[in-house]
Amino acid sequence: MNTKITLPANSKMLSNDFVYGVATASFQIEGGKDSRLPCIWDTFCDTPDKVADGSNGETACNHFNLWQQDIELIDSLEVDAYRLSISWPRVITESGELNPEGVAYYVGILDALADKNIKAYVTLYHWDLPQHLEDKGGWLNRETAYKFRDYADLISKAFGNRVYSYATLNEPFCSAFLGYEVGVHAPGIVGKEFGKKAAHHLLLAHGLAMAVLTKNSPNSLNGIVLNFTPCYPESNSEADINATAFADDYFNQWYIKPLFDAEYPAIMSQLPVQNHPEIQPGDMEIISHPLDFLGVNFYTRAIYRADVKEHFFQIDPPEPLTDIGWEIYPKAFTELLVSLNKKYKLPPVYITENGAAMADTIVNGVVNDQNRIDYYHDHLNAVHNAIEQGVNVDGYFAWSLMDNFEWAEGYLKRFGIVYVDYVTQERTIKASGLAYKELIKNR
């Protein structure tokens, strides 16, 4: 049993220039619902049978009130950086101005991080769209992209030089596909004709915001965070290989190819016209604004076979699985990074999320999550292997700092390296958190 996370002695990931951090998202940890506008996840949580345990984000980890002790906790882990997201409905009023109380809350956090010499990696959109914008069509309404640009403009001016890095969006695939195509995430809209339209407006929002960030915050690293689930064929048959390539374009390349090649994958011609995005002249040029970094989120892979009715069929994942049912297959992490590096001219890459939900138990104040230590060990080494093959990775963020509201799973799944008792709000660093701290400390 290896209770440590170790890397080869010569690894770039053991240099002091390599950034180690932890990550969270506003809706998942903050609570403090009364001091912000409603968002699409409030509405989704209030809809019966949408969240597995019927819970919501009204209290979550009460980070809104406990943020000072949480920053002490982050500091105790000896990380270099903290990736947090800004709640759009907390900082912008319905009429489109800054909400001074909401801004002051985040400025307090950013200043406290600076006092501890912890770099702030700020995500502007981690899925909590203001409900009043959803009422006007949300990401199916092109105007929302311009509302996002205005929000990015105001908040980046308000934060001044406090932010080390800005990401425009977190995982636009999840917002578009899960939220507007299959409907398992907020706002819960279902229809193949909606997914790619929402995706286009999200990517347009990203490009518009990049122009604003480049102007307002030229010294920060400005980019985007994409999630990837690498696609593997069930067999070596031509049919399975073709089905898998289609799935990869549909789920993965659809979100990265516009950023670097200013075009969508060629499979668009195989989609019904009513499912196409509504692209206006100049859109692709806006979307392909140069990036200072690319954030990559990775958890698992997917395996596909050919299907007579659909372009592809995803089979059930083989074991071993995490508690959320995702296959543990770190080799896919290396292969993903290497393949993206071959396909595109990438800027510096940061692993902005990686981690595992495990069925944690706390016994006498201790959480011995050996399975998560193993997961981190194997996946950090997978990143090392990608670096050895020429991928320029500059940092790694563990998902997540602490157990939290896990979207449609509610509070049933624990991803944290810190255990949260949701009744008492007591935080307990898990064995994995201590192992992560040791890795960082002993570089």
Protein backbone atom coordinates (compact mmCIF):
# COMPACT_ATOMS: atom_id res chain seq x y z
CA MET A 1 0.00 0.00 0.00
CA ASN A 2 1.45 3.32 -1.12
CA THR A 3 0.23 6.16 1.10
CA LYS A 4 2.30 8.66 -0.87
CA ILE A 5 1.95 10.34 -4.25
CA THR A 6 5.34 10.05 -5.92
CA LEU A 7 6.74 11.18 -9.28
CA PRO A 8 10.02 10.31 -11.04
CA ALA A 9 12.88 12.31 -9.49
CA ASN A 10 13.63 14.13 -12.75
CA SER A 11 10.01 15.18 -13.38
CA LYS A 12 9.26 18.76 -14.44
CA MET A 13 6.33 18.41 -12.03
CA LEU A 14 8.78 18.44 -9.11
CA SER A 15 10.23 21.83 -10.07
CA ASN A 16 9.14 24.88 -8.08
CA ASP A 17 7.89 26.50 -11.29
CA PHE A 18 5.18 23.86 -11.66
CA VAL A 19 1.91 25.14 -10.16
CA TYR A 20 -0.09 22.96 -7.78
CA GLY A 21 -3.54 23.99 -6.71
CA VAL A 22 -7.01 23.03 -5.56
CA ALA A 23 -10.27 23.97 -7.26
CA THR A 24 -13.89 24.77 -6.34
CA ALA A 25 -16.96 26.35 -7.94
CA SER A 26 -19.23 29.03 -6.49
CA PHE A 27 -22.60 27.26 -6.58
CA GLN A 28 -21.09 24.03 -5.27
CA ILE A 29 -19.63 25.48 -2.07
CA GLU A 30 -20.89 28.99 -1.30
CA GLY A 31 -24.49 28.92 -0.14
CA GLY A 32 -25.38 32.53 0.68
CA LYS A 33 -28.38 32.38 -1.65
CA ASP A 34 -30.14 35.35 -0.03
CA SER A 35 -27.41 37.78 -1.06
CA ARG A 36 -27.46 37.04 -4.79
CA LEU A 37 -29.92 36.78 -7.64
CA PRO A 38 -31.47 33.39 -8.42
CA CYS A 39 -29.62 31.25 -10.96
CA ILE A 40 -30.60 28.35 -13.23
CA TRP A 41 -29.33 25.81 -10.69
CA ASP A 42 -31.66 27.18 -8.00
CA THR A 43 -34.57 26.61 -10.37
CA PHE A 44 -33.29 23.18 -11.41
CA CYS A 45 -32.91 22.09 -7.78
CA ASP A 46 -36.47 23.24 -7.08
CA THR A 47 -37.78 21.03 -9.91
CA PRO A 48 -38.83 17.57 -8.63
CA ASP A 49 -36.67 14.56 -9.55
CA LYS A 50 -33.82 16.58 -11.08
CA VAL A 51 -31.28 16.24 -8.22
CA ALA A 52 -30.69 12.70 -6.95
CA ASP A 53 -31.13 13.45 -3.24
CA GLY A 54 -33.58 16.34 -3.67
CA SER A 55 -31.02 18.79 -2.28
CA ASN A 56 -29.99 22.30 -3.35
CA GLY A 57 -27.17 24.83 -3.07
CA GLU A 58 -28.80 27.13 -0.52
CA THR A 59 -26.21 26.31 2.17
CA ALA A 60 -23.77 23.91 0.45
CA CYS A 61 -20.48 24.19 2.38
CA ASN A 62 -21.46 27.62 3.74
CA HIS A 63 -18.26 28.99 2.20
CA PHE A 64 -20.03 32.35 1.89
CA ASN A 65 -19.71 32.70 5.66
CA LEU A 66 -16.73 30.43 6.31
CA TRP A 67 -14.42 31.65 3.53
CA GLN A 68 -11.77 33.00 5.90
CA GLN A 69 -11.28 29.65 7.63
CA ASP A 70 -11.39 27.95 4.21
CA ILE A 71 -8.51 30.09 2.99
CA GLU A 72 -6.55 29.07 6.09
CA LEU A 73 -7.35 25.48 5.13
CA ILE A 74 -6.13 26.03 1.55
CA ASP A 75 -2.96 27.64 2.88
CA SER A 76 -2.37 24.66 5.20
CA LEU A 77 -2.23 22.37 2.14
CA GLU A 78 0.82 24.38 0.90
CA VAL A 79 -0.62 24.81 -2.60
CA ASP A 80 0.63 27.49 -4.97
CA ALA A 81 -2.78 28.40 -6.38
CA TYR A 82 -6.53 28.31 -5.79
CA ARG A 83 -8.99 27.99 -8.65
CA LEU A 84 -12.35 29.54 -7.75
CA SER A 85 -15.34 30.68 -9.75
CA ILE A 86 -17.27 33.93 -9.54
CA SER A 87 -21.04 33.75 -9.13
CA TRP A 88 -22.35 35.95 -11.96
CA PRO A 89 -25.67 36.47 -10.12
CA ARG A 90 -23.78 37.59 -7.00
CA VAL A 91 -21.77 40.35 -8.67
CA ILE A 92 -24.08 41.73 -11.40
CA THR A 93 -27.53 43.22 -10.78
CA GLU A 94 -30.52 42.48 -13.01
CA SER A 95 -30.04 45.88 -14.65
CA GLY A 96 -26.45 44.96 -15.51
CA GLU A 97 -24.43 46.97 -12.97
CA LEU A 98 -21.94 45.74 -10.41
CA ASN A 99 -23.40 44.64 -7.08
CA PRO A 100 -20.98 46.29 -4.58
CA GLU A 101 -21.59 43.72 -1.81
CA GLY A 102 -20.95 40.79 -4.14
CA VAL A 103 -17.80 42.39 -5.53
CA ALA A 104 -16.53 43.15 -2.00
CA TYR A 105 -17.00 39.47 -1.03
CA TYR A 106 -14.69 38.28 -3.82
CA VAL A 107 -12.21 41.14 -3.37
CA GLY A 108 -11.88 40.02 0.27
CA ILE A 109 -11.10 36.48 -0.89
CA LEU A 110 -8.62 37.65 -3.55
CA ASP A 111 -6.82 39.93 -1.08
CA ALA A 112 -6.62 37.15 1.51
CA LEU A 113 -5.12 34.81 -1.10
CA ALA A 114 -2.57 37.47 -2.05
CA ASP A 115 -1.62 37.85 1.63
CA LYS A 116 -0.83 34.12 1.67
CA ASN A 117 1.03 34.30 -1.64
CA ILE A 118 -1.53 31.96 -3.25
CA LYS A 119 -2.19 32.69 -6.94
CA ALA A 120 -5.86 33.28 -7.81
CA TYR A 121 -7.11 31.38 -10.87
CA VAL A 122 -10.56 32.84 -11.47
CA THR A 123 -13.26 31.19 -13.59
CA LEU A 124 -15.92 33.64 -14.72
CA TYR A 125 -18.60 31.08 -15.59
CA HIS A 126 -19.04 27.75 -13.82
CA TRP A 127 -22.68 27.11 -14.85
CA ASP A 128 -24.65 29.45 -12.55
CA LEU A 129 -26.38 31.58 -15.22
CA PRO A 130 -28.64 34.27 -13.73
CA GLN A 131 -32.23 33.00 -13.99
CA HIS A 132 -33.47 36.30 -15.48
CA LEU A 133 -31.20 35.68 -18.49
CA GLU A 134 -32.46 32.11 -18.85
CA ASP A 135 -35.99 33.53 -18.85
CA LYS A 136 -34.99 35.37 -22.04
CA GLY A 137 -33.61 32.20 -23.67
CA GLY A 138 -30.36 31.67 -21.78
CA TRP A 139 -27.57 30.25 -23.95
CA LEU A 140 -30.04 29.72 -26.80
CA ASN A 141 -30.27 33.53 -27.01
CA ARG A 142 -27.30 35.12 -28.79
CA GLU A 143 -27.71 38.21 -26.61
CA THR A 144 -26.53 36.21 -23.56
CA ALA A 145 -23.02 36.09 -25.09
CA TYR A 146 -22.93 39.90 -25.04
CA LYS A 147 -24.29 40.01 -21.47
CA PHE A 148 -21.39 37.74 -20.52
CA ARG A 149 -18.92 40.07 -22.24
CA ASP A 150 -20.33 43.00 -20.23
CA TYR A 151 -20.05 41.02 -16.98
CA ALA A 152 -16.44 40.06 -17.81
CA ASP A 153 -15.69 43.72 -18.56
CA LEU A 154 -17.11 45.06 -15.29
CA ILE A 155 -15.72 42.38 -12.98
CA SER A 156 -12.20 42.35 -14.46
CA LYS A 157 -12.02 46.14 -14.00
CA ALA A 158 -13.29 45.79 -10.42
CA PHE A 159 -10.71 43.12 -9.55
CA GLY A 160 -7.82 45.13 -10.96
CA ASN A 161 -4.49 43.32 -10.70
CA ARG A 162 -5.62 40.79 -8.05
CA VAL A 163 -6.15 37.88 -10.46
CA TYR A 164 -3.26 35.73 -11.71
CA SER A 165 -5.36 33.92 -14.33
CA TYR A 166 -8.83 34.21 -15.81
CA ALA A 167 -10.78 31.38 -17.43
CA THR A 168 -13.84 32.57 -19.32
CA LEU A 169 -15.88 29.36 -19.16
CA ASN A 170 -15.68 26.06 -17.35
CA GLU A 171 -16.64 23.08 -19.52
CA PRO A 172 -18.93 24.59 -22.17
CA PHE A 173 -19.71 21.00 -23.23
CA CYS A 174 -21.53 20.46 -19.92
CA SER A 175 -23.45 23.72 -20.18
CA ALA A 176 -24.50 23.04 -23.78
CA PHE A 177 -24.94 19.27 -24.04
CA LEU A 178 -25.98 18.39 -20.49
CA GLY A 179 -28.03 21.57 -20.03
CA TYR A 180 -29.64 22.17 -23.43
CA GLU A 181 -29.54 18.82 -25.27
CA VAL A 182 -30.06 15.93 -22.83
CA GLY A 183 -31.37 18.08 -19.99
CA VAL A 184 -29.68 16.35 -17.04
CA HIS A 185 -28.15 19.66 -15.89
CA ALA A 186 -29.70 23.10 -15.54
CA PRO A 187 -31.71 24.50 -17.24
CA GLY A 188 -32.92 20.99 -18.14
CA ILE A 189 -33.84 21.61 -21.78
CA VAL A 190 -34.04 18.53 -24.02
CA GLY A 191 -33.59 18.44 -27.79
CA LYS A 192 -30.81 17.70 -30.27
CA GLU A 193 -31.74 20.90 -32.08
CA PHE A 194 -30.61 22.98 -29.06
CA GLY A 195 -27.20 21.64 -28.00
CA LYS A 196 -25.00 23.02 -30.77
CA LYS A 197 -26.83 26.38 -30.78
CA ALA A 198 -26.13 26.78 -27.06
CA ALA A 199 -22.52 25.66 -27.60
CA HIS A 200 -21.98 28.30 -30.28
CA HIS A 201 -23.29 31.11 -28.07
CA LEU A 202 -21.10 29.89 -25.19
CA LEU A 203 -18.00 29.89 -27.42
CA LEU A 204 -18.97 33.30 -28.78
CA ALA A 205 -19.26 34.53 -25.18
CA HIS A 206 -15.78 33.17 -24.54
CA GLY A 207 -14.29 34.99 -27.54
CA LEU A 208 -16.01 38.28 -26.68
CA ALA A 209 -14.77 38.01 -23.09
CA MET A 210 -11.22 37.18 -24.21
CA ALA A 211 -11.04 40.50 -26.08
CA VAL A 212 -12.20 42.32 -22.93
CA LEU A 213 -9.78 40.46 -20.63
CA THR A 214 -6.87 41.11 -22.97
CA LYS A 215 -7.64 44.81 -22.71
CA ASN A 216 -8.54 45.07 -19.00
CA SER A 217 -6.16 42.48 -17.58
CA PRO A 218 -3.21 42.16 -19.98
CA ASN A 219 -0.86 40.75 -17.33
CA SER A 220 -3.06 37.81 -16.31
CA LEU A 221 -3.08 34.43 -18.06
CA ASN A 222 -6.39 34.47 -19.93
CA GLY A 223 -7.96 31.35 -21.42
CA ILE A 224 -10.70 28.75 -21.18
CA VAL A 225 -11.29 25.42 -19.42
CA LEU A 226 -12.51 22.47 -21.51
CA ASN A 227 -13.38 18.98 -20.34
CA PHE A 228 -12.43 15.95 -22.41
CA THR A 229 -13.64 12.37 -22.26
CA PRO A 230 -11.37 10.55 -24.71
CA CYS A 231 -13.19 8.15 -27.01
CA TYR A 232 -12.11 4.54 -27.58
CA PRO A 233 -13.64 1.94 -29.96
CA GLU A 234 -15.00 -1.28 -28.49
CA SER A 235 -13.31 -3.27 -31.27
CA ASN A 236 -10.94 -2.72 -34.17
CA SER A 237 -13.78 -2.97 -36.67
CA GLU A 238 -14.01 -0.11 -39.15
CA ALA A 239 -17.58 0.56 -38.06
CA ASP A 240 -16.61 0.94 -34.38
CA ILE A 241 -13.60 3.10 -35.26
CA ASN A 242 -15.75 5.43 -37.40
CA ALA A 243 -18.45 5.64 -34.74
CA THR A 244 -15.82 6.52 -32.14
CA ALA A 245 -14.32 9.25 -34.34
CA PHE A 246 -17.79 10.76 -34.76
CA ALA A 247 -18.36 10.72 -30.98
CA ASP A 248 -14.98 12.38 -30.40
CA ASP A 249 -15.86 15.18 -32.83
CA TYR A 250 -19.32 15.58 -31.30
CA PHE A 251 -18.27 15.68 -27.65
CA ASN A 252 -14.61 16.76 -27.57
CA GLN A 253 -13.31 18.39 -30.76
CA TRP A 254 -16.50 20.46 -31.15
CA TYR A 255 -15.32 22.73 -28.32
CA ILE A 256 -11.59 22.95 -29.05
CA LYS A 257 -11.38 23.01 -32.86
CA PRO A 258 -13.14 26.42 -33.15
CA LEU A 259 -10.63 27.90 -30.68
CA PHE A 260 -7.57 26.93 -32.73
CA ASP A 261 -8.84 26.30 -36.27
CA ALA A 262 -11.76 28.79 -36.34
CA GLU A 263 -14.14 26.10 -37.59
CA TYR A 264 -16.35 23.30 -36.30
CA PRO A 265 -15.62 19.63 -37.08
CA ALA A 266 -16.61 18.41 -40.55
CA ILE A 267 -19.27 16.12 -39.03
CA MET A 268 -21.54 19.20 -38.99
CA SER A 269 -22.50 18.31 -42.58
CA GLN A 270 -23.86 14.98 -41.27
CA LEU A 271 -26.12 16.64 -38.69
CA PRO A 272 -29.68 17.68 -39.60
CA VAL A 273 -29.80 21.36 -40.59
CA GLN A 274 -32.12 22.18 -37.68
CA ASN A 275 -29.38 21.00 -35.29
CA HIS A 276 -26.72 23.34 -36.70
CA PRO A 277 -25.49 26.35 -34.72
CA GLU A 278 -26.51 29.78 -35.98
CA ILE A 279 -23.18 31.23 -37.10
CA GLN A 280 -23.00 34.88 -38.11
CA PRO A 281 -20.19 36.49 -40.16
CA GLY A 282 -17.16 37.16 -37.96
CA ASP A 283 -18.19 34.73 -35.21
CA MET A 284 -15.40 32.21 -35.80
CA GLU A 285 -12.79 34.96 -35.80
CA ILE A 286 -14.08 36.16 -32.40
CA ILE A 287 -14.13 32.61 -31.01
CA SER A 288 -10.54 31.89 -32.11
CA HIS A 289 -9.03 34.77 -30.11
CA PRO A 290 -5.48 33.76 -29.05
CA LEU A 291 -5.28 32.03 -25.66
CA ASP A 292 -2.62 32.46 -22.96
CA PHE A 293 -3.43 28.97 -21.65
CA LEU A 294 -5.76 26.03 -22.14
CA GLY A 295 -7.32 24.43 -19.09
CA VAL A 296 -7.94 20.69 -19.42
CA ASN A 297 -10.34 18.80 -17.14
CA PHE A 298 -10.07 15.01 -17.19
CA TYR A 299 -11.80 12.26 -15.23
CA THR A 300 -12.38 9.20 -17.40
CA ARG A 301 -12.71 7.79 -20.93
CA ALA A 302 -15.69 6.47 -22.93
CA ILE A 303 -15.95 3.37 -25.13
CA TYR A 304 -18.14 3.32 -28.26
CA ARG A 305 -19.55 0.88 -30.78
CA ALA A 306 -21.34 1.41 -34.07
CA ASP A 307 -25.13 1.67 -33.93
CA VAL A 308 -27.75 1.18 -36.63
CA LYS A 309 -29.99 4.04 -35.51
CA GLU A 310 -27.50 6.57 -34.12
CA HIS A 311 -23.98 7.63 -35.14
CA PHE A 312 -22.54 5.85 -32.07
CA PHE A 313 -23.48 3.96 -28.92
CA GLN A 314 -21.57 4.30 -25.64
CA ILE A 315 -21.15 0.99 -23.82
CA ASP A 316 -21.09 0.59 -20.05
CA PRO A 317 -17.64 1.32 -18.60
CA PRO A 318 -15.50 -1.61 -17.45
CA GLU A 319 -14.14 -1.75 -13.90
CA PRO A 320 -12.43 -0.36 -11.87
CA LEU A 321 -14.95 2.43 -11.29
CA THR A 322 -15.11 5.44 -8.99
CA ASP A 323 -18.14 5.97 -6.73
CA ILE A 324 -19.84 8.00 -9.48
CA GLY A 325 -19.47 5.09 -11.90
CA TRP A 326 -16.60 6.40 -14.03
CA GLU A 327 -13.88 4.03 -15.20
CA ILE A 328 -10.41 4.60 -13.76
CA TYR A 329 -8.12 4.57 -16.81
CA PRO A 330 -5.16 6.95 -16.37
CA LYS A 331 -3.50 5.89 -19.66
CA ALA A 332 -6.26 7.81 -21.46
CA PHE A 333 -5.07 10.99 -19.73
CA THR A 334 -1.61 10.71 -21.27
CA GLU A 335 -3.02 9.77 -24.68
CA LEU A 336 -5.49 12.67 -24.60
CA LEU A 337 -2.84 15.28 -23.84
CA VAL A 338 -0.44 13.91 -26.45
CA SER A 339 -3.17 13.77 -29.12
CA LEU A 340 -4.35 17.34 -28.47
CA ASN A 341 -0.75 18.53 -28.64
CA LYS A 342 -0.32 16.85 -32.05
CA LYS A 343 -3.64 18.11 -33.41
CA TYR A 344 -3.47 21.77 -32.33
CA LYS A 345 -0.88 24.47 -31.69
CA LEU A 346 -1.51 24.60 -27.96
CA PRO A 347 -0.56 27.37 -25.55
CA PRO A 348 0.69 26.28 -22.10
CA VAL A 349 -1.70 23.69 -20.63
CA TYR A 350 -2.98 23.56 -17.05
CA ILE A 351 -4.79 20.52 -15.69
CA THR A 352 -7.60 22.54 -14.14
CA GLU A 353 -9.57 19.57 -12.76
CA ASN A 354 -8.73 15.96 -12.04
CA GLY A 355 -9.94 13.79 -9.21
CA ALA A 356 -12.31 11.06 -8.12
CA ALA A 357 -15.54 10.53 -6.22
CA MET A 358 -15.01 7.81 -3.63
CA ALA A 359 -17.33 6.37 -0.97
CA ASP A 360 -15.55 8.07 1.93
CA THR A 361 -16.20 7.32 5.58
CA ILE A 362 -14.88 9.25 8.54
CA VAL A 363 -13.77 7.08 11.48
CA ASN A 364 -12.49 8.72 14.68
CA GLY A 365 -11.86 11.94 12.76
CA VAL A 366 -9.84 10.21 10.01
CA VAL A 367 -10.73 9.61 6.35
CA ASN A 368 -8.44 6.93 4.96
CA ASP A 369 -9.19 7.31 1.23
CA GLN A 370 -6.41 5.06 -0.07
CA ASN A 371 -8.32 4.60 -3.35
CA ARG A 372 -8.17 8.34 -4.02
CA ILE A 373 -4.44 8.47 -3.20
CA ASP A 374 -3.95 5.73 -5.80
CA TYR A 375 -6.05 7.68 -8.31
CA TYR A 376 -3.99 10.85 -7.83
CA HIS A 377 -0.71 8.98 -7.94
CA ASP A 378 -1.59 7.29 -11.23
CA HIS A 379 -3.05 10.39 -12.87
CA LEU A 380 -0.24 12.73 -11.85
CA ASN A 381 2.17 10.20 -13.33
CA ALA A 382 0.03 10.11 -16.48
CA VAL A 383 0.53 13.89 -16.76
CA HIS A 384 4.27 13.38 -16.24
CA ASN A 385 4.26 10.87 -19.11
CA ALA A 386 2.55 13.39 -21.39
CA ILE A 387 5.14 16.05 -20.48
CA GLU A 388 7.88 13.53 -21.36
CA GLN A 389 6.23 13.22 -24.79
CA GLY A 390 6.43 16.96 -25.40
CA VAL A 391 3.23 18.41 -23.95
CA ASN A 392 3.78 21.75 -22.20
CA VAL A 393 1.88 21.35 -18.91
CA ASP A 394 2.53 24.10 -16.37
CA GLY A 395 0.21 23.19 -13.51
CA TYR A 396 -2.25 20.79 -11.91
CA PHE A 397 -5.37 21.45 -9.81
CA ALA A 398 -6.96 18.72 -7.70
CA TRP A 399 -10.75 18.52 -7.92
CA SER A 400 -11.85 19.28 -5.46
CA LEU A 401 -10.70 21.17 -2.41
CA MET A 402 -13.64 19.83 -0.42
CA ASP A 403 -16.74 17.70 -0.71
CA ASN A 404 -19.57 19.81 -2.08
CA PHE A 405 -22.84 19.98 -4.02
CA GLU A 406 -22.13 17.61 -6.92
CA TRP A 407 -24.74 19.02 -9.33
CA ALA A 408 -27.38 16.43 -10.32
CA GLU A 409 -25.92 14.00 -7.74
CA GLY A 410 -26.57 16.44 -4.89
CA TYR A 411 -24.47 15.65 -1.82
CA LEU A 412 -24.27 11.90 -2.50
CA LYS A 413 -20.83 11.94 -4.16
CA ARG A 414 -17.65 13.16 -2.49
CA PHE A 415 -14.78 14.46 -4.65
CA GLY A 416 -12.94 16.44 -1.98
CA ILE A 417 -9.49 15.99 -0.55
CA VAL A 418 -11.15 17.56 2.50
CA TYR A 419 -14.17 15.87 4.10
CA VAL A 420 -17.19 18.05 4.89
CA ASP A 421 -19.76 17.15 7.53
CA TYR A 422 -22.78 18.94 6.05
CA VAL A 423 -24.57 19.09 9.44
CA THR A 424 -21.76 20.71 11.45
CA GLN A 425 -19.80 22.14 8.46
CA GLU A 426 -16.65 20.72 10.03
CA ARG A 427 -13.78 20.20 7.57
CA THR A 428 -11.37 17.25 7.91
CA ILE A 429 -8.36 16.83 5.62
CA LYS A 430 -8.48 13.32 4.14
CA ALA A 431 -5.44 11.07 3.75
CA SER A 432 -5.39 12.10 0.07
CA GLY A 433 -5.19 15.76 1.07
CA LEU A 434 -2.24 15.02 3.34
CA ALA A 435 -0.54 13.01 0.57
CA TYR A 436 -1.10 15.88 -1.90
CA LYS A 437 0.35 18.34 0.61
CA GLU A 438 3.44 16.11 1.09
CA LEU A 439 4.02 15.93 -2.67
CA ILE A 440 3.89 19.73 -2.96
CA LYS A 441 5.97 20.40 0.15
CA ASN A 442 8.76 18.00 -0.83
CA ARG A 443 9.38 19.29 -4.34
